[in-house]
Amino acid sequence: MRNMTALDATGLRAIQDFADALQASGRTLLLCGAPPQPARLMAEAEFHRHVGDENILSNVEAALKRAEEDPDQGPPRRPFELD
C-alpha cells in the first residue's frame, strides 16, 4: 500500500470485498506499508476487525514473515489469483 496516497470509502470497500474473496477461497489478505491517510481511514473504519490486526503490517518484510508463519495459506500462488 506504500504507493497509495489516498483512500476513500469506496476504495476501502473494494479492499474489503477482495479480502472476503480471498477468505472464501481459503486465503488471507495481508496489507502492509500504508501511508498516513489510508492508515488513518482504515483505523477510523476499524478495518482491522475485518482482516485481523495480525494481517495489517508496517512493511513488506513483516508481511513476508507473516505469510511464512500462516500455515493456512497453503502453497504460494500468483498475486491476485482467485480460483
Protein backbone atom coordinates (compact mmCIF):
# COMPACT_ATOMS: atom_id res chain seq x y z
CA MET A 1 0.00 0.00 0.00
CA ARG A 2 3.04 2.25 0.18
CA ASN A 3 2.22 3.97 -3.13
CA MET A 4 -1.45 4.55 -2.26
CA THR A 5 -1.52 8.21 -1.32
CA ALA A 6 -5.26 8.40 -0.64
CA LEU A 7 -8.12 6.05 0.11
CA ASP A 8 -11.85 6.72 0.32
CA ALA A 9 -14.80 4.62 1.46
CA THR A 10 -15.28 3.12 -2.00
CA GLY A 11 -11.65 2.01 -2.15
CA LEU A 12 -11.85 0.61 1.35
CA ARG A 13 -14.95 -1.35 0.37
CA ALA A 14 -13.11 -2.75 -2.67
CA ILE A 15 -10.28 -3.93 -0.41
CA GLN A 16 -12.85 -5.47 1.95
CA ASP A 17 -14.52 -7.30 -0.95
CA PHE A 18 -11.13 -8.58 -2.12
CA ALA A 19 -10.30 -9.75 1.42
CA ASP A 20 -13.66 -11.57 1.54
CA ALA A 21 -12.98 -13.28 -1.81
CA LEU A 22 -9.58 -14.43 -0.60
CA GLN A 23 -11.03 -15.68 2.68
CA ALA A 24 -13.75 -17.59 0.83
CA SER A 25 -11.01 -19.35 -1.15
CA GLY A 26 -9.09 -20.24 2.00
CA ARG A 27 -6.52 -17.46 1.79
CA THR A 28 -5.73 -14.36 3.78
CA LEU A 29 -5.11 -10.77 2.67
CA LEU A 30 -2.01 -9.17 4.16
CA LEU A 31 -1.76 -5.38 3.97
CA CYS A 32 1.48 -3.52 4.54
CA GLY A 33 3.11 -0.13 4.34
CA ALA A 34 0.02 2.07 4.34
CA PRO A 35 0.83 5.82 4.22
CA PRO A 36 -0.78 8.10 6.84
CA GLN A 37 -4.10 8.91 5.11
CA PRO A 38 -5.06 5.35 4.13
CA ALA A 39 -3.87 4.06 7.52
CA ARG A 40 -5.96 6.69 9.30
CA LEU A 41 -9.10 5.81 7.30
CA MET A 42 -8.62 2.10 7.93
CA ALA A 43 -8.19 2.81 11.66
CA GLU A 44 -11.28 5.05 11.79
CA ALA A 45 -13.31 2.38 9.96
CA GLU A 46 -11.93 -0.30 12.30
CA PHE A 47 -10.86 -2.22 9.22
CA HIS A 48 -8.56 -4.36 11.39
CA ARG A 49 -11.69 -6.03 12.75
CA HIS A 50 -12.44 -7.29 9.24
CA VAL A 51 -8.99 -8.56 8.22
CA GLY A 52 -7.40 -9.07 11.64
CA ASP A 53 -4.77 -6.99 13.43
CA GLU A 54 -2.17 -9.62 12.63
CA ASN A 55 -2.71 -9.09 8.88
CA ILE A 56 -2.02 -5.34 8.80
CA LEU A 57 1.73 -4.86 8.86
CA SER A 58 4.16 -1.96 8.72
CA ASN A 59 6.32 -3.12 5.79
CA VAL A 60 6.89 -5.79 3.15
CA GLU A 61 9.44 -7.67 5.24
CA ALA A 62 6.95 -8.03 8.08
CA ALA A 63 4.24 -9.17 5.63
CA LEU A 64 6.54 -11.80 4.13
CA LYS A 65 7.39 -13.08 7.60
CA ARG A 66 3.68 -13.19 8.49
CA ALA A 67 2.91 -15.13 5.30
CA GLU A 68 5.54 -17.70 6.21
CA GLU A 69 4.03 -18.06 9.70
CA ASP A 70 0.48 -18.73 8.50
CA PRO A 71 0.08 -22.48 7.91
CA ASP A 72 -3.39 -21.94 6.47
CA GLN A 73 -2.01 -20.01 3.50
CA GLY A 74 -1.14 -23.19 1.56
CA PRO A 75 1.34 -23.20 -1.32
CA PRO A 76 2.42 -19.88 -2.84
CA ARG A 77 0.19 -18.60 -5.63
CA ARG A 78 0.50 -15.82 -8.14
CA PRO A 79 -0.64 -12.43 -6.76
CA PHE A 80 -4.38 -11.80 -7.13
CA GLU A 81 -5.08 -15.32 -8.35
CA LEU A 82 -8.62 -16.31 -7.47
CA ASP A 83 -9.84 -19.82 -8.14
